[in-house]
């Protein structure tokens, strides 16, 4: 990359800002482009200005005519005609994750899949901390990978959460361990077909050889077949089957069996997280940690200490004996199915809706009919969700006008042994900046109701 001096970073989000800062720090002239006006942090603005670059909004073709390379933030699709024209002129267009990979001399566990990426990546990151080397966590989890790998040496290990968007823009990316959790319909507004979505996911291991490891979910009927696409050493994990080799569950315990190693890590009853989906995440994390050199003892300690990630079936509070859970990270229907299945007793008051991804709703609504006492709908998606719920035979449905109305309605109707679960099956962009803001607002409203109840008791 030494011959490239003038670069455009497309997208001024977390990834874009991180990439721009690292490139400018390396002496490049960097133009940080976004199609909406933004005010950069003074430190970043100064760093870009030193190299002769800066923030640009509008006139994208003028900028593209001046640069030799474009770094795309995950939200920017490669199919934009203006980018195709630039590539035809010889401009290299890559994703931010590819940039990070090229600048990183160490080792990496890369985790992808429709659901469970953040939890699995977080666990792997905690496991890596037990190694006697420098470690980091980055990628789709909320930290620009190109920024997180800065200063790491050849012995270091990084846990990287990578999305299908990020895998669109790779060329040389080749992690030591590639983990694929699952595949269900998502992001159809971007990828258009499941085949294209799957192809982007498979890019996580497309450059691997037998010197690297591809970890696949044996229980996912699609992902199980992906061994035929990988040249890496294959390792499967399974919650349902005792594998002759790999990572699996037996009688509720997690086991790793690989060559001369055979070890029981822990029992699911010892964990602080629950649900079948989390058991799969733990299996995948054990595989990632194992091939990074983490000992079974250190994996066990890490898992027993792990309390879960924010916004993923996160316990918030109990009011009048009714627990409230924040599952704002459930931005697709499969995530909601996993959340509903995590409560075997049912009696759920489910809050769903938001910015509609236009994925099929029937499988989710069939489970909603079985598991919920009340479905409360909100946001742009509520009318389509309502029609799908009625078609599936869901009897108790309430449509609300605002997010606050939805929480207050749930609170007014909930009685033990019910649980209140925010699990939207939608992105948050109709009402919030991101799913994190949505989850934090939900928790604030719940805690406000909790305090109100305590005041009324006095």
Protein backbone atom coordinates (compact mmCIF):
# COMPACT_ATOMS: atom_id res chain seq x y z
CA UNK A 1 0.00 0.00 0.00
CA UNK A 2 3.07 2.27 0.12
CA UNK A 3 2.50 3.49 -3.46
CA UNK A 4 -0.97 4.75 -2.58
CA UNK A 5 -0.86 8.31 -1.26
CA UNK A 6 -4.33 9.74 -1.84
CA UNK A 7 -7.32 7.88 -0.39
CA UNK A 8 -11.03 8.47 -0.04
CA UNK A 9 -12.84 6.88 2.91
CA UNK A 10 -16.53 6.55 2.06
CA UNK A 11 -18.77 6.81 5.13
CA UNK A 12 -18.12 8.85 8.26
CA UNK A 13 -19.36 6.34 10.83
CA UNK A 14 -17.28 4.41 13.37
CA UNK A 15 -15.46 2.34 10.76
CA UNK A 16 -14.91 5.24 8.39
CA UNK A 17 -13.56 7.59 11.03
CA UNK A 18 -11.27 4.89 12.40
CA UNK A 19 -9.90 4.08 8.95
CA UNK A 20 -9.42 7.75 8.07
CA UNK A 21 -7.50 8.42 11.27
CA UNK A 22 -5.17 5.46 10.73
CA UNK A 23 -4.51 6.30 7.08
CA UNK A 24 -3.82 9.95 7.82
CA UNK A 25 -1.55 8.92 10.68
CA UNK A 26 0.39 6.81 8.19
CA UNK A 27 1.06 9.88 6.04
CA UNK A 28 -1.69 9.50 3.44
CA UNK A 29 -3.83 12.32 2.11
CA UNK A 30 -7.29 11.27 3.21
CA UNK A 31 -10.66 12.60 2.10
CA UNK A 32 -13.42 11.40 4.43
CA UNK A 33 -16.62 11.46 2.39
CA UNK A 34 -20.23 11.21 3.51
CA UNK A 35 -23.44 12.05 1.68
CA UNK A 36 -24.77 13.98 4.68
CA UNK A 37 -22.99 16.90 6.38
CA UNK A 38 -21.15 16.00 9.57
CA UNK A 39 -18.98 17.84 12.05
CA UNK A 40 -15.83 15.84 12.79
CA UNK A 41 -14.15 15.66 16.15
CA UNK A 42 -11.48 18.40 16.26
CA UNK A 43 -8.65 15.87 16.69
CA UNK A 44 -9.69 13.91 13.60
CA UNK A 45 -10.26 17.07 11.55
CA UNK A 46 -6.77 18.30 12.47
CA UNK A 47 -5.20 14.92 11.63
CA UNK A 48 -6.79 14.91 8.17
CA UNK A 49 -5.85 18.53 7.52
CA UNK A 50 -2.16 17.91 8.25
CA UNK A 51 -1.96 15.56 5.27
CA UNK A 52 -3.90 17.87 2.97
CA UNK A 53 -7.22 16.04 3.30
CA UNK A 54 -10.45 16.62 5.19
CA UNK A 55 -14.18 15.99 5.29
CA UNK A 56 -16.06 16.15 1.97
CA UNK A 57 -19.82 16.16 1.34
CA UNK A 58 -21.06 16.22 -2.25
CA UNK A 59 -18.96 16.30 -5.45
CA UNK A 60 -18.03 12.66 -4.98
CA UNK A 61 -16.88 12.21 -8.57
CA UNK A 62 -14.43 15.10 -8.18
CA UNK A 63 -12.93 13.37 -5.15
CA UNK A 64 -12.79 9.97 -6.85
CA UNK A 65 -10.88 11.53 -9.74
CA UNK A 66 -8.14 12.56 -7.30
CA UNK A 67 -7.57 9.33 -5.35
CA UNK A 68 -5.94 5.97 -5.97
CA UNK A 69 -7.91 3.98 -3.39
CA UNK A 70 -11.37 4.00 -1.79
CA UNK A 71 -12.06 2.47 1.61
CA UNK A 72 -15.75 1.64 2.09
CA UNK A 73 -17.57 1.71 5.40
CA UNK A 74 -19.84 -1.34 5.84
CA UNK A 75 -23.03 0.59 5.08
CA UNK A 76 -21.83 1.53 1.58
CA UNK A 77 -22.56 -1.10 -1.13
CA UNK A 78 -19.94 -1.92 -3.75
CA UNK A 79 -22.61 -1.86 -6.44
CA UNK A 80 -22.94 1.94 -6.51
CA UNK A 81 -22.47 3.01 -10.16
CA UNK A 82 -20.04 5.76 -9.17
CA UNK A 83 -17.78 3.17 -7.53
CA UNK A 84 -18.00 0.87 -10.54
CA UNK A 85 -16.84 3.76 -12.73
CA UNK A 86 -13.93 4.44 -10.39
CA UNK A 87 -12.88 0.77 -10.48
CA UNK A 88 -13.02 0.85 -14.28
CA UNK A 89 -10.49 3.70 -14.12
CA UNK A 90 -8.16 1.62 -11.96
CA UNK A 91 -9.09 2.96 -8.53
CA UNK A 92 -8.87 0.19 -5.92
CA UNK A 93 -12.05 -0.15 -3.84
CA UNK A 94 -11.84 -2.23 -0.65
CA UNK A 95 -13.65 -2.49 2.67
CA UNK A 96 -12.38 -1.22 5.99
CA UNK A 97 -11.81 -4.78 7.24
CA UNK A 98 -9.55 -5.48 4.26
CA UNK A 99 -7.54 -2.36 5.10
CA UNK A 100 -7.18 -3.57 8.69
CA UNK A 101 -6.04 -7.00 7.52
CA UNK A 102 -3.33 -5.55 5.26
CA UNK A 103 -1.92 -3.49 8.10
CA UNK A 104 -2.04 -6.23 10.74
CA UNK A 105 0.86 -8.69 11.17
CA UNK A 106 -0.71 -10.91 13.83
CA UNK A 107 -3.35 -13.63 14.22
CA UNK A 108 -7.13 -13.39 14.00
CA UNK A 109 -10.34 -15.23 14.87
CA UNK A 110 -13.07 -13.86 12.58
CA UNK A 111 -16.70 -14.57 13.47
CA UNK A 112 -19.68 -14.19 11.15
CA UNK A 113 -23.27 -15.43 10.88
CA UNK A 114 -26.75 -13.97 10.87
CA UNK A 115 -27.13 -14.09 14.65
CA UNK A 116 -24.90 -14.43 17.68
CA UNK A 117 -21.83 -12.64 16.30
CA UNK A 118 -21.46 -10.07 19.05
CA UNK A 119 -21.89 -12.53 21.92
CA UNK A 120 -19.48 -15.04 20.38
CA UNK A 121 -16.90 -12.39 19.49
CA UNK A 122 -17.07 -10.93 22.99
CA UNK A 123 -16.51 -14.35 24.58
CA UNK A 124 -13.60 -15.11 22.25
CA UNK A 125 -12.10 -11.71 23.04
CA UNK A 126 -12.26 -12.49 26.76
CA UNK A 127 -10.67 -15.89 26.16
CA UNK A 128 -7.85 -14.34 24.15
CA UNK A 129 -7.01 -12.07 27.09
CA UNK A 130 -5.75 -15.17 28.92
CA UNK A 131 -2.96 -15.60 26.35
CA UNK A 132 0.50 -14.12 27.08
CA UNK A 133 0.26 -11.79 24.07
CA UNK A 134 -1.38 -8.51 23.06
CA UNK A 135 -5.05 -8.90 22.10
CA UNK A 136 -7.93 -6.79 20.79
CA UNK A 137 -11.56 -6.97 19.70
CA UNK A 138 -12.97 -5.08 16.71
CA UNK A 139 -15.07 -5.00 13.58
CA UNK A 140 -18.85 -5.03 13.43
CA UNK A 141 -18.97 -5.20 17.23
CA UNK A 142 -18.62 -1.41 17.27
CA UNK A 143 -14.88 -0.73 17.04
CA UNK A 144 -13.14 0.02 13.73
CA UNK A 145 -10.88 -2.97 13.10
CA UNK A 146 -8.23 -0.86 11.38
CA UNK A 147 -7.96 1.22 14.55
CA UNK A 148 -7.98 -1.71 17.00
CA UNK A 149 -5.10 -3.56 15.29
CA UNK A 150 -2.81 -0.55 15.38
CA UNK A 151 0.39 -1.25 17.28
CA UNK A 152 -0.17 -5.00 17.56
CA UNK A 153 2.70 -7.34 16.74
CA UNK A 154 3.01 -10.64 14.89
CA UNK A 155 2.29 -12.67 18.05
CA UNK A 156 -0.95 -10.86 18.90
CA UNK A 157 -4.49 -12.21 18.54
CA UNK A 158 -7.63 -10.31 17.53
CA UNK A 159 -11.28 -11.35 17.78
CA UNK A 160 -13.10 -9.75 14.83
CA UNK A 161 -16.86 -9.66 14.30
CA UNK A 162 -17.43 -9.44 10.56
CA UNK A 163 -20.74 -8.84 8.81
CA UNK A 164 -21.86 -9.73 5.30
CA UNK A 165 -21.51 -6.04 4.43
CA UNK A 166 -17.88 -6.06 5.54
CA UNK A 167 -17.15 -9.29 3.67
CA UNK A 168 -18.28 -7.74 0.38
CA UNK A 169 -15.08 -5.73 0.22
CA UNK A 170 -12.30 -8.24 0.89
CA UNK A 171 -9.51 -9.39 -1.40
CA UNK A 172 -6.68 -10.84 0.71
CA UNK A 173 -8.47 -11.17 4.07
CA UNK A 174 -7.54 -14.55 5.56
CA UNK A 175 -8.07 -15.10 9.31
CA UNK A 176 -6.31 -17.93 11.14
CA UNK A 177 -9.72 -19.09 12.38
CA UNK A 178 -12.96 -18.35 10.53
CA UNK A 179 -16.17 -19.12 12.44
CA UNK A 180 -19.60 -19.28 10.77
CA UNK A 181 -22.48 -19.40 13.26
CA UNK A 182 -25.63 -19.70 11.15
CA UNK A 183 -27.48 -18.39 8.11
CA UNK A 184 -31.08 -17.19 7.97
CA UNK A 185 -32.73 -14.50 5.80
CA UNK A 186 -31.51 -10.99 6.60
CA UNK A 187 -30.36 -7.83 4.81
CA UNK A 188 -32.37 -8.68 1.70
CA UNK A 189 -32.69 -4.95 0.99
CA UNK A 190 -28.91 -4.97 0.41
CA UNK A 191 -28.05 -8.42 -0.95
CA UNK A 192 -31.32 -9.04 -2.86
CA UNK A 193 -30.96 -12.86 -2.79
CA UNK A 194 -30.01 -15.50 -0.23
CA UNK A 195 -27.36 -16.80 -2.62
CA UNK A 196 -25.59 -13.43 -2.64
CA UNK A 197 -25.96 -13.07 1.13
CA UNK A 198 -24.44 -16.54 1.60
CA UNK A 199 -21.60 -15.77 -0.83
CA UNK A 200 -20.64 -12.69 1.18
CA UNK A 201 -20.68 -14.73 4.40
CA UNK A 202 -18.44 -17.41 2.85
CA UNK A 203 -15.87 -14.75 2.01
CA UNK A 204 -14.74 -15.05 5.64
CA UNK A 205 -12.87 -18.23 4.68
CA UNK A 206 -12.51 -17.88 0.91
CA UNK A 207 -8.74 -17.25 1.08
CA UNK A 208 -7.92 -19.91 3.66
CA UNK A 209 -5.63 -22.89 3.08
CA UNK A 210 -5.12 -25.97 5.25
CA UNK A 211 -2.89 -23.83 7.47
CA UNK A 212 -6.03 -22.01 8.68
CA UNK A 213 -9.18 -23.38 10.32
CA UNK A 214 -12.80 -23.07 9.18
CA UNK A 215 -15.31 -23.61 12.01
CA UNK A 216 -18.86 -24.42 10.88
CA UNK A 217 -22.17 -25.01 12.67
CA UNK A 218 -23.05 -28.67 12.11
CA UNK A 219 -26.65 -28.04 13.24
CA UNK A 220 -27.35 -25.42 10.57
CA UNK A 221 -28.42 -27.35 7.44
CA UNK A 222 -26.98 -24.74 5.08
CA UNK A 223 -23.77 -23.88 6.91
CA UNK A 224 -22.98 -27.57 7.43
CA UNK A 225 -22.56 -27.94 3.64
CA UNK A 226 -20.07 -25.10 3.34
CA UNK A 227 -17.07 -27.33 3.93
CA UNK A 228 -17.10 -27.96 0.19
CA UNK A 229 -16.30 -24.27 -0.37
CA UNK A 230 -13.39 -24.08 2.09
CA UNK A 231 -9.78 -25.12 1.63
CA UNK A 232 -9.19 -24.62 5.34
CA UNK A 233 -8.99 -27.35 7.96
CA UNK A 234 -12.61 -28.06 8.90
CA UNK A 235 -13.93 -28.17 12.45
CA UNK A 236 -17.62 -28.48 13.25
CA UNK A 237 -19.53 -27.60 16.40
CA UNK A 238 -22.87 -29.06 17.43
CA UNK A 239 -25.40 -28.63 20.20
CA UNK A 240 -27.46 -31.62 19.03
CA UNK A 241 -24.92 -34.28 18.02
CA UNK A 242 -21.90 -35.82 19.73
CA UNK A 243 -19.24 -35.39 17.07
CA UNK A 244 -16.34 -37.80 16.54
CA UNK A 245 -14.13 -34.70 16.38
CA UNK A 246 -14.92 -31.05 17.01
CA UNK A 247 -16.79 -29.12 19.70
CA UNK A 248 -20.09 -30.48 20.98
CA UNK A 249 -22.53 -30.86 23.87
CA UNK A 250 -23.17 -34.07 25.75
CA UNK A 251 -25.53 -34.35 28.72
CA UNK A 252 -25.57 -30.57 29.04
CA UNK A 253 -21.76 -30.17 29.09
CA UNK A 254 -19.50 -28.56 26.50
CA UNK A 255 -16.68 -30.70 25.12
CA UNK A 256 -13.78 -30.14 22.76
CA UNK A 257 -12.24 -33.15 21.04
CA UNK A 258 -9.46 -32.52 18.55
CA UNK A 259 -6.51 -34.78 17.77
CA UNK A 260 -4.86 -35.52 21.14
CA UNK A 261 -7.05 -33.16 23.14
CA UNK A 262 -10.30 -34.21 24.76
CA UNK A 263 -11.67 -31.94 27.48
CA UNK A 264 -14.93 -31.08 29.21
CA UNK A 265 -15.11 -27.29 29.55
CA UNK A 266 -18.18 -26.74 31.74
CA UNK A 267 -21.89 -27.53 32.13
CA UNK A 268 -24.55 -25.19 30.78
CA UNK A 269 -26.04 -24.85 34.28
CA UNK A 270 -22.84 -23.10 35.37
CA UNK A 271 -23.27 -20.30 32.81
CA UNK A 272 -24.80 -16.89 33.50
CA UNK A 273 -26.38 -16.76 30.03
CA UNK A 274 -29.21 -19.02 28.90
CA UNK A 275 -31.03 -20.31 25.84
CA UNK A 276 -30.20 -22.73 23.02
CA UNK A 277 -28.82 -19.90 20.89
CA UNK A 278 -26.30 -19.03 23.60
CA UNK A 279 -25.26 -22.67 23.85
CA UNK A 280 -24.38 -22.48 20.15
CA UNK A 281 -22.49 -19.24 20.74
CA UNK A 282 -20.50 -20.87 23.54
CA UNK A 283 -19.63 -23.87 21.36
CA UNK A 284 -18.41 -21.55 18.59
CA UNK A 285 -16.40 -19.47 21.07
CA UNK A 286 -14.76 -22.61 22.49
CA UNK A 287 -13.68 -23.56 18.97
CA UNK A 288 -12.30 -20.08 18.32
CA UNK A 289 -10.47 -19.97 21.63
CA UNK A 290 -9.12 -23.50 21.26
CA UNK A 291 -7.49 -22.88 17.88
CA UNK A 292 -6.02 -19.64 19.21
CA UNK A 293 -4.27 -21.64 21.92
CA UNK A 294 -6.49 -20.90 24.94
CA UNK A 295 -6.38 -23.72 27.51
CA UNK A 296 -9.54 -25.58 28.56
CA UNK A 297 -9.05 -24.24 32.09
CA UNK A 298 -8.93 -20.63 30.88
CA UNK A 299 -11.94 -21.20 28.62
CA UNK A 300 -13.88 -22.52 31.59
CA UNK A 301 -13.00 -19.53 33.78
CA UNK A 302 -13.94 -17.12 31.02
CA UNK A 303 -17.30 -18.75 30.38
CA UNK A 304 -18.27 -18.91 34.04
CA UNK A 305 -17.50 -15.20 34.44
CA UNK A 306 -19.34 -14.08 31.29
CA UNK A 307 -22.56 -12.18 31.99
CA UNK A 308 -23.73 -11.61 28.41
CA UNK A 309 -23.70 -8.58 26.11
CA UNK A 310 -25.82 -5.47 26.30
CA UNK A 311 -29.07 -5.54 24.30
CA UNK A 312 -29.13 -9.34 23.85
CA UNK A 313 -31.85 -10.84 26.10
CA UNK A 314 -30.45 -8.49 28.73
CA UNK A 315 -32.27 -8.55 32.06
CA UNK A 316 -33.29 -5.01 32.99
CA UNK A 317 -35.49 -5.14 36.11
CA UNK A 318 -38.52 -6.80 37.68
CA UNK A 319 -41.65 -4.80 38.43
CA UNK A 320 -44.42 -6.43 40.50
CA UNK A 321 -42.81 -9.82 39.87
CA UNK A 322 -42.61 -9.34 36.08
CA UNK A 323 -39.08 -9.40 34.59
CA UNK A 324 -38.26 -7.06 31.68
CA UNK A 325 -35.70 -8.06 29.03
CA UNK A 326 -33.96 -5.86 26.48
CA UNK A 327 -33.30 -7.73 23.22
CA UNK A 328 -32.83 -4.68 21.01
CA UNK A 329 -30.09 -6.52 19.08
CA UNK A 330 -32.81 -8.77 17.64
CA UNK A 331 -33.02 -6.94 14.32
CA UNK A 332 -34.28 -9.93 12.31
CA UNK A 333 -36.95 -12.59 12.71
CA UNK A 334 -34.56 -15.45 13.47
CA UNK A 335 -33.16 -13.53 16.44
CA UNK A 336 -36.70 -13.14 17.79
CA UNK A 337 -37.37 -16.86 17.34
CA UNK A 338 -34.23 -17.61 19.37
CA UNK A 339 -35.31 -15.15 22.06
CA UNK A 340 -38.80 -16.62 22.32
CA UNK A 341 -37.35 -20.13 22.54
CA UNK A 342 -35.11 -19.00 25.42
CA UNK A 343 -38.24 -18.73 27.62
CA UNK A 344 -39.60 -22.30 27.72
CA UNK A 345 -42.51 -21.33 29.95
CA UNK A 346 -43.95 -18.86 27.44
CA UNK A 347 -46.30 -16.18 28.87
CA UNK A 348 -44.39 -13.48 27.00
CA UNK A 349 -45.54 -9.94 26.29
CA UNK A 350 -43.56 -9.23 23.13
CA UNK A 351 -42.75 -5.74 21.84
CA UNK A 352 -41.86 -5.87 18.14
CA UNK A 353 -41.55 -3.58 15.16
CA UNK A 354 -39.38 -0.78 13.84
CA UNK A 355 -37.80 -0.22 10.45
CA UNK A 356 -38.96 -3.16 8.34
CA UNK A 357 -36.30 -5.33 6.65
CA UNK A 358 -39.04 -7.01 4.58
CA UNK A 359 -38.03 -10.54 5.56
CA UNK A 360 -40.66 -13.34 5.70
CA UNK A 361 -42.67 -13.23 8.94
CA UNK A 362 -44.65 -16.50 9.00
CA UNK A 363 -42.14 -18.67 10.95
CA UNK A 364 -41.75 -16.01 13.62
CA UNK A 365 -45.48 -15.33 13.92
CA UNK A 366 -46.25 -19.04 14.26
CA UNK A 367 -44.02 -19.10 17.34
CA UNK A 368 -45.46 -15.79 18.57
CA UNK A 369 -48.88 -17.48 18.51
CA UNK A 370 -47.57 -20.30 20.71
CA UNK A 371 -45.37 -18.37 23.15
CA UNK A 372 -46.94 -14.96 23.73
CA UNK A 373 -49.89 -13.70 25.74
CA UNK A 374 -49.77 -10.34 23.96
CA UNK A 375 -48.01 -8.90 20.90
CA UNK A 376 -47.45 -5.14 21.04
CA UNK A 377 -46.49 -3.61 17.69
CA UNK A 378 -44.79 -0.30 16.99
CA UNK A 379 -42.87 1.61 14.33
CA UNK A 380 -42.98 1.59 10.53
CA UNK A 381 -43.37 -2.19 10.37
CA UNK A 382 -46.43 -2.48 12.61
CA UNK A 383 -49.06 -2.74 9.83
CA UNK A 384 -47.25 -5.51 7.93
CA UNK A 385 -46.48 -7.26 11.21
CA UNK A 386 -50.13 -6.94 12.23
CA UNK A 387 -51.35 -8.55 8.99
CA UNK A 388 -48.82 -11.40 9.36
CA UNK A 389 -49.78 -11.95 13.00
CA UNK A 390 -53.50 -12.12 12.17
CA UNK A 391 -52.78 -14.55 9.32
CA UNK A 392 -50.82 -16.78 11.73
CA UNK A 393 -53.67 -16.85 14.23
CA UNK A 394 -52.17 -14.57 16.89
CA UNK A 395 -55.18 -13.54 18.97
CA UNK A 396 -54.00 -10.75 21.26
CA UNK A 397 -52.39 -7.86 19.36
CA UNK A 398 -52.05 -4.20 20.23
CA UNK A 399 -50.77 -1.47 17.90
CA UNK A 400 -49.17 1.58 19.55
CA UNK A 401 -48.20 5.00 18.26
CA UNK A 402 -44.92 5.60 20.11
CA UNK A 403 -42.15 3.55 21.70
CA UNK A 404 -43.08 4.91 25.11
CA UNK A 405 -46.74 3.97 24.56
CA UNK A 406 -45.65 0.38 23.89
CA UNK A 407 -43.68 0.06 27.13
CA UNK A 408 -46.42 1.69 29.18
CA UNK A 409 -49.02 -0.64 27.64
CA UNK A 410 -46.90 -3.68 28.49
CA UNK A 411 -46.46 -2.44 32.04
CA UNK A 412 -50.20 -1.84 32.48
CA UNK A 413 -51.11 -5.37 31.37
CA UNK A 414 -48.21 -7.51 32.63
CA UNK A 415 -48.74 -9.80 35.60
CA UNK A 416 -46.55 -12.61 36.97
CA UNK A 417 -45.59 -15.17 35.66
CA UNK A 418 -45.44 -13.15 32.44
CA UNK A 419 -42.25 -11.58 31.10
CA UNK A 420 -41.94 -8.42 29.01
CA UNK A 421 -39.55 -8.81 26.09
CA UNK A 422 -38.40 -6.12 23.65
CA UNK A 423 -37.32 -8.16 20.62
CA UNK A 424 -38.16 -6.02 17.57
CA UNK A 425 -37.28 -8.19 14.51
CA UNK A 426 -36.46 -4.86 12.86
CA UNK A 427 -33.69 -2.33 12.64
CA UNK A 428 -34.18 0.87 14.60
CA UNK A 429 -33.73 3.58 11.98
CA UNK A 430 -37.36 4.71 11.94
CA UNK A 431 -37.12 5.99 15.52
CA UNK A 432 -33.50 5.75 16.69
CA UNK A 433 -29.92 6.24 15.53
CA UNK A 434 -29.14 2.57 16.12
CA UNK A 435 -30.25 -0.50 18.09
CA UNK A 436 -28.08 0.58 21.05
CA UNK A 437 -29.97 3.85 21.44
CA UNK A 438 -33.24 1.90 21.23
CA UNK A 439 -32.12 -0.56 23.91
CA UNK A 440 -30.89 2.17 26.25
CA UNK A 441 -34.18 4.07 25.89
CA UNK A 442 -36.12 0.90 26.69
CA UNK A 443 -34.04 0.40 29.83
CA UNK A 444 -34.55 4.02 30.87
CA UNK A 445 -38.33 3.71 30.50
CA UNK A 446 -38.37 0.45 32.47
CA UNK A 447 -36.28 1.93 35.27
CA UNK A 448 -38.55 5.00 35.31
CA UNK A 449 -41.55 2.70 35.79
CA UNK A 450 -39.65 0.80 38.48
CA UNK A 451 -38.92 4.01 40.40
CA UNK A 452 -42.50 5.19 39.96
CA UNK A 453 -43.76 1.94 41.51
CA UNK A 454 -41.39 2.26 44.44
CA UNK A 455 -42.56 5.83 45.06
CA UNK A 456 -46.20 4.78 45.00
CA UNK A 457 -45.53 2.11 47.64
CA UNK A 458 -44.13 4.65 50.11
